[in-house]
Amino acid sequence: MAMNLRLDPSLEEALGREAARSGRSKTAIISQALTDALDKADPDHPAEQQPLVPYAPYRMVYPRLELPEGVTSADLINEQREERLW
């Protein structure tokens, strides 16, 4: 289920720092916090949360690919699509 969440600026900043520190997505952090809160509220009926894909933290990749001037990632994607059509 998708939903919107409004956070105070200080909480949003703290969430961003934790995501960068831990390598987890903001969504994963919020989801785990909500699961923990629900478990504490009713320990006899814990919130079930089974990830659809195994957890793999986000990592920066180096070296980063530098595209030539005037070329966008959309251009590269469209090239691949056109090759598959022919």
N, C-alpha and C. Protein backbone atom coordinates (compact mmCIF):
# COMPACT_ATOMS: atom_id res chain seq x y z
N MET A 1 0.85 -1.17 0.00
CA MET A 1 0.00 0.00 0.00
C MET A 1 0.89 1.23 0.00
N ALA A 2 0.62 2.14 -0.86
CA ALA A 2 1.35 3.40 -0.90
C ALA A 2 0.60 4.44 -0.09
N MET A 3 1.35 5.30 0.59
CA MET A 3 0.71 6.36 1.36
C MET A 3 1.66 7.54 1.47
N ASN A 4 1.10 8.70 1.76
CA ASN A 4 1.89 9.90 1.98
C ASN A 4 2.14 10.06 3.46
N LEU A 5 3.29 10.59 3.81
CA LEU A 5 3.65 10.80 5.21
C LEU A 5 4.28 12.18 5.31
N ARG A 6 3.74 13.02 6.17
CA ARG A 6 4.30 14.35 6.38
C ARG A 6 5.12 14.33 7.66
N LEU A 7 6.38 14.75 7.56
CA LEU A 7 7.28 14.76 8.69
C LEU A 7 7.74 16.18 8.98
N ASP A 8 8.02 16.44 10.25
CA ASP A 8 8.65 17.71 10.62
C ASP A 8 10.02 17.75 9.94
N PRO A 9 10.50 18.93 9.58
CA PRO A 9 11.80 19.02 8.91
C PRO A 9 12.94 18.36 9.70
N SER A 10 12.93 18.50 11.02
CA SER A 10 14.01 17.91 11.81
C SER A 10 13.94 16.38 11.77
N LEU A 11 12.73 15.83 11.78
CA LEU A 11 12.56 14.38 11.70
C LEU A 11 12.95 13.88 10.31
N GLU A 12 12.59 14.63 9.30
CA GLU A 12 12.97 14.25 7.93
C GLU A 12 14.49 14.24 7.77
N GLU A 13 15.15 15.23 8.35
CA GLU A 13 16.61 15.30 8.29
C GLU A 13 17.24 14.12 9.03
N ALA A 14 16.72 13.80 10.21
CA ALA A 14 17.24 12.68 10.99
C ALA A 14 17.03 11.36 10.23
N LEU A 15 15.90 11.22 9.58
CA LEU A 15 15.62 10.02 8.79
C LEU A 15 16.62 9.89 7.64
N GLY A 16 16.90 10.99 6.98
CA GLY A 16 17.87 10.98 5.89
C GLY A 16 19.27 10.60 6.36
N ARG A 17 19.67 11.12 7.52
CA ARG A 17 20.98 10.78 8.08
C ARG A 17 21.06 9.29 8.42
N GLU A 18 19.99 8.76 9.01
CA GLU A 18 19.99 7.34 9.37
C GLU A 18 20.01 6.46 8.12
N ALA A 19 19.30 6.86 7.09
CA ALA A 19 19.30 6.09 5.84
C ALA A 19 20.71 6.07 5.24
N ALA A 20 21.37 7.21 5.23
CA ALA A 20 22.73 7.27 4.69
C ALA A 20 23.70 6.47 5.55
N ARG A 21 23.54 6.56 6.87
CA ARG A 21 24.45 5.86 7.78
C ARG A 21 24.30 4.35 7.68
N SER A 22 23.05 3.89 7.61
CA SER A 22 22.79 2.45 7.67
C SER A 22 22.76 1.78 6.30
N GLY A 23 22.62 2.57 5.24
CA GLY A 23 22.50 1.98 3.90
C GLY A 23 21.11 1.43 3.63
N ARG A 24 20.16 1.74 4.50
CA ARG A 24 18.78 1.28 4.32
C ARG A 24 17.97 2.41 3.71
N SER A 25 16.88 2.05 3.04
CA SER A 25 16.01 3.08 2.47
C SER A 25 15.19 3.73 3.59
N LYS A 26 14.73 4.94 3.32
CA LYS A 26 13.86 5.62 4.28
C LYS A 26 12.59 4.80 4.52
N THR A 27 12.07 4.20 3.45
CA THR A 27 10.87 3.37 3.58
C THR A 27 11.11 2.19 4.51
N ALA A 28 12.25 1.54 4.37
CA ALA A 28 12.56 0.39 5.23
C ALA A 28 12.67 0.80 6.69
N ILE A 29 13.27 1.95 6.95
CA ILE A 29 13.42 2.43 8.33
C ILE A 29 12.05 2.74 8.93
N ILE A 30 11.21 3.45 8.18
CA ILE A 30 9.87 3.79 8.67
C ILE A 30 9.04 2.54 8.87
N SER A 31 9.12 1.60 7.94
CA SER A 31 8.34 0.37 8.04
C SER A 31 8.75 -0.42 9.28
N GLN A 32 10.06 -0.52 9.54
CA GLN A 32 10.53 -1.24 10.72
C GLN A 32 10.09 -0.54 12.01
N ALA A 33 10.15 0.79 12.03
CA ALA A 33 9.72 1.54 13.21
C ALA A 33 8.23 1.33 13.48
N LEU A 34 7.43 1.31 12.43
CA LEU A 34 5.99 1.09 12.58
C LEU A 34 5.72 -0.34 13.07
N THR A 35 6.43 -1.30 12.51
CA THR A 35 6.29 -2.69 12.95
C THR A 35 6.64 -2.82 14.43
N ASP A 36 7.75 -2.20 14.84
CA ASP A 36 8.16 -2.25 16.24
C ASP A 36 7.10 -1.62 17.14
N ALA A 37 6.55 -0.49 16.74
CA ALA A 37 5.54 0.20 17.54
C ALA A 37 4.28 -0.66 17.66
N LEU A 38 3.87 -1.30 16.59
CA LEU A 38 2.68 -2.16 16.62
C LEU A 38 2.92 -3.40 17.47
N ASP A 39 4.13 -3.94 17.40
CA ASP A 39 4.46 -5.10 18.24
C ASP A 39 4.38 -4.74 19.72
N LYS A 40 4.85 -3.55 20.08
CA LYS A 40 4.80 -3.10 21.48
C LYS A 40 3.36 -2.85 21.91
N ALA A 41 2.54 -2.35 21.00
CA ALA A 41 1.15 -2.04 21.33
C ALA A 41 0.34 -3.29 21.60
N ASP A 42 0.61 -4.36 20.86
CA ASP A 42 -0.13 -5.62 21.02
C ASP A 42 0.81 -6.79 20.79
N PRO A 43 1.61 -7.17 21.80
CA PRO A 43 2.61 -8.22 21.61
C PRO A 43 2.02 -9.59 21.27
N ASP A 44 0.73 -9.82 21.55
CA ASP A 44 0.12 -11.10 21.21
C ASP A 44 -0.18 -11.24 19.73
N HIS A 45 -0.23 -10.13 19.04
CA HIS A 45 -0.52 -10.12 17.61
C HIS A 45 0.50 -9.25 16.89
N PRO A 46 1.73 -9.75 16.73
CA PRO A 46 2.75 -8.92 16.09
C PRO A 46 2.42 -8.63 14.63
N ALA A 47 2.84 -7.48 14.20
CA ALA A 47 2.64 -7.11 12.79
C ALA A 47 3.54 -7.99 11.94
N GLU A 48 2.96 -8.64 10.95
CA GLU A 48 3.75 -9.50 10.08
C GLU A 48 4.29 -8.66 8.94
N GLN A 49 5.58 -8.80 8.74
CA GLN A 49 6.21 -8.06 7.65
C GLN A 49 7.24 -8.96 6.99
N GLN A 50 6.90 -9.50 5.86
CA GLN A 50 7.80 -10.35 5.11
C GLN A 50 8.24 -9.59 3.87
N PRO A 51 9.54 -9.30 3.75
CA PRO A 51 9.99 -8.57 2.57
C PRO A 51 9.77 -9.39 1.30
N LEU A 52 9.41 -8.71 0.24
CA LEU A 52 9.20 -9.39 -1.04
C LEU A 52 10.52 -9.79 -1.68
N VAL A 53 11.55 -9.03 -1.41
CA VAL A 53 12.89 -9.34 -1.91
C VAL A 53 13.86 -9.30 -0.74
N PRO A 54 14.93 -10.06 -0.80
CA PRO A 54 15.89 -10.03 0.29
C PRO A 54 16.47 -8.62 0.48
N TYR A 55 16.77 -8.29 1.71
CA TYR A 55 17.32 -6.97 2.01
C TYR A 55 18.72 -6.85 1.43
N ALA A 56 18.94 -5.81 0.68
CA ALA A 56 20.26 -5.50 0.14
C ALA A 56 20.44 -3.99 0.29
N PRO A 57 21.35 -3.56 1.15
CA PRO A 57 21.51 -2.13 1.39
C PRO A 57 21.99 -1.41 0.14
N TYR A 58 21.60 -0.16 0.03
CA TYR A 58 22.05 0.69 -1.07
C TYR A 58 23.52 1.01 -0.85
N ARG A 59 24.29 0.90 -1.89
CA ARG A 59 25.70 1.26 -1.81
C ARG A 59 26.06 2.15 -2.98
N MET A 60 26.90 3.13 -2.70
CA MET A 60 27.40 3.97 -3.78
C MET A 60 28.38 3.13 -4.60
N VAL A 61 28.33 3.27 -5.90
CA VAL A 61 29.19 2.51 -6.79
C VAL A 61 30.25 3.45 -7.34
N TYR A 62 31.49 3.03 -7.24
CA TYR A 62 32.60 3.82 -7.77
C TYR A 62 33.42 2.94 -8.68
N PRO A 63 33.92 3.38 -9.77
CA PRO A 63 33.76 4.73 -10.28
C PRO A 63 32.38 4.91 -10.89
N ARG A 64 31.90 6.11 -10.81
CA ARG A 64 30.60 6.42 -11.39
C ARG A 64 30.76 6.64 -12.88
N LEU A 65 29.74 6.28 -13.63
CA LEU A 65 29.75 6.45 -15.08
C LEU A 65 29.47 7.91 -15.40
N GLU A 66 30.32 8.49 -16.17
CA GLU A 66 30.12 9.86 -16.62
C GLU A 66 29.67 9.81 -18.08
N LEU A 67 28.49 10.32 -18.36
CA LEU A 67 27.97 10.32 -19.72
C LEU A 67 28.56 11.48 -20.51
N PRO A 68 28.74 11.29 -21.80
CA PRO A 68 29.23 12.40 -22.62
C PRO A 68 28.22 13.54 -22.58
N GLU A 69 28.70 14.74 -22.79
CA GLU A 69 27.82 15.90 -22.78
C GLU A 69 26.74 15.75 -23.85
N GLY A 70 25.51 16.03 -23.47
CA GLY A 70 24.39 15.94 -24.39
C GLY A 70 23.73 14.57 -24.41
N VAL A 71 24.29 13.57 -23.70
CA VAL A 71 23.71 12.24 -23.64
C VAL A 71 23.08 12.06 -22.26
N THR A 72 21.84 11.58 -22.24
CA THR A 72 21.15 11.35 -20.97
C THR A 72 20.92 9.85 -20.78
N SER A 73 20.59 9.47 -19.56
CA SER A 73 20.30 8.06 -19.31
C SER A 73 19.06 7.63 -20.10
N ALA A 74 18.13 8.54 -20.31
CA ALA A 74 16.94 8.22 -21.12
C ALA A 74 17.35 7.88 -22.56
N ASP A 75 18.36 8.57 -23.08
CA ASP A 75 18.85 8.25 -24.43
C ASP A 75 19.37 6.82 -24.49
N LEU A 76 20.11 6.41 -23.46
CA LEU A 76 20.66 5.05 -23.43
C LEU A 76 19.55 4.01 -23.34
N ILE A 77 18.54 4.30 -22.53
CA ILE A 77 17.42 3.37 -22.38
C ILE A 77 16.67 3.24 -23.71
N ASN A 78 16.44 4.36 -24.36
CA ASN A 78 15.73 4.32 -25.64
C ASN A 78 16.52 3.56 -26.70
N GLU A 79 17.86 3.69 -26.68
CA GLU A 79 18.68 2.92 -27.62
C GLU A 79 18.47 1.43 -27.42
N GLN A 80 18.45 0.99 -26.17
CA GLN A 80 18.25 -0.43 -25.87
C GLN A 80 16.88 -0.90 -26.33
N ARG A 81 15.88 -0.06 -26.14
CA ARG A 81 14.53 -0.43 -26.58
C ARG A 81 14.46 -0.58 -28.08
N GLU A 82 15.09 0.36 -28.79
CA GLU A 82 15.06 0.31 -30.25
C GLU A 82 15.78 -0.94 -30.77
N GLU A 83 16.90 -1.33 -30.11
CA GLU A 83 17.63 -2.52 -30.54
C GLU A 83 16.79 -3.77 -30.37
N ARG A 84 15.97 -3.81 -29.33
CA ARG A 84 15.13 -4.99 -29.10
C ARG A 84 13.98 -5.08 -30.09
N LEU A 85 13.58 -3.94 -30.63
CA LEU A 85 12.47 -3.95 -31.58
C LEU A 85 12.88 -4.47 -32.95
N TRP A 86 14.13 -4.39 -33.28
CA TRP A 86 14.57 -4.78 -34.62
C TRP A 86 15.15 -6.12 -34.60
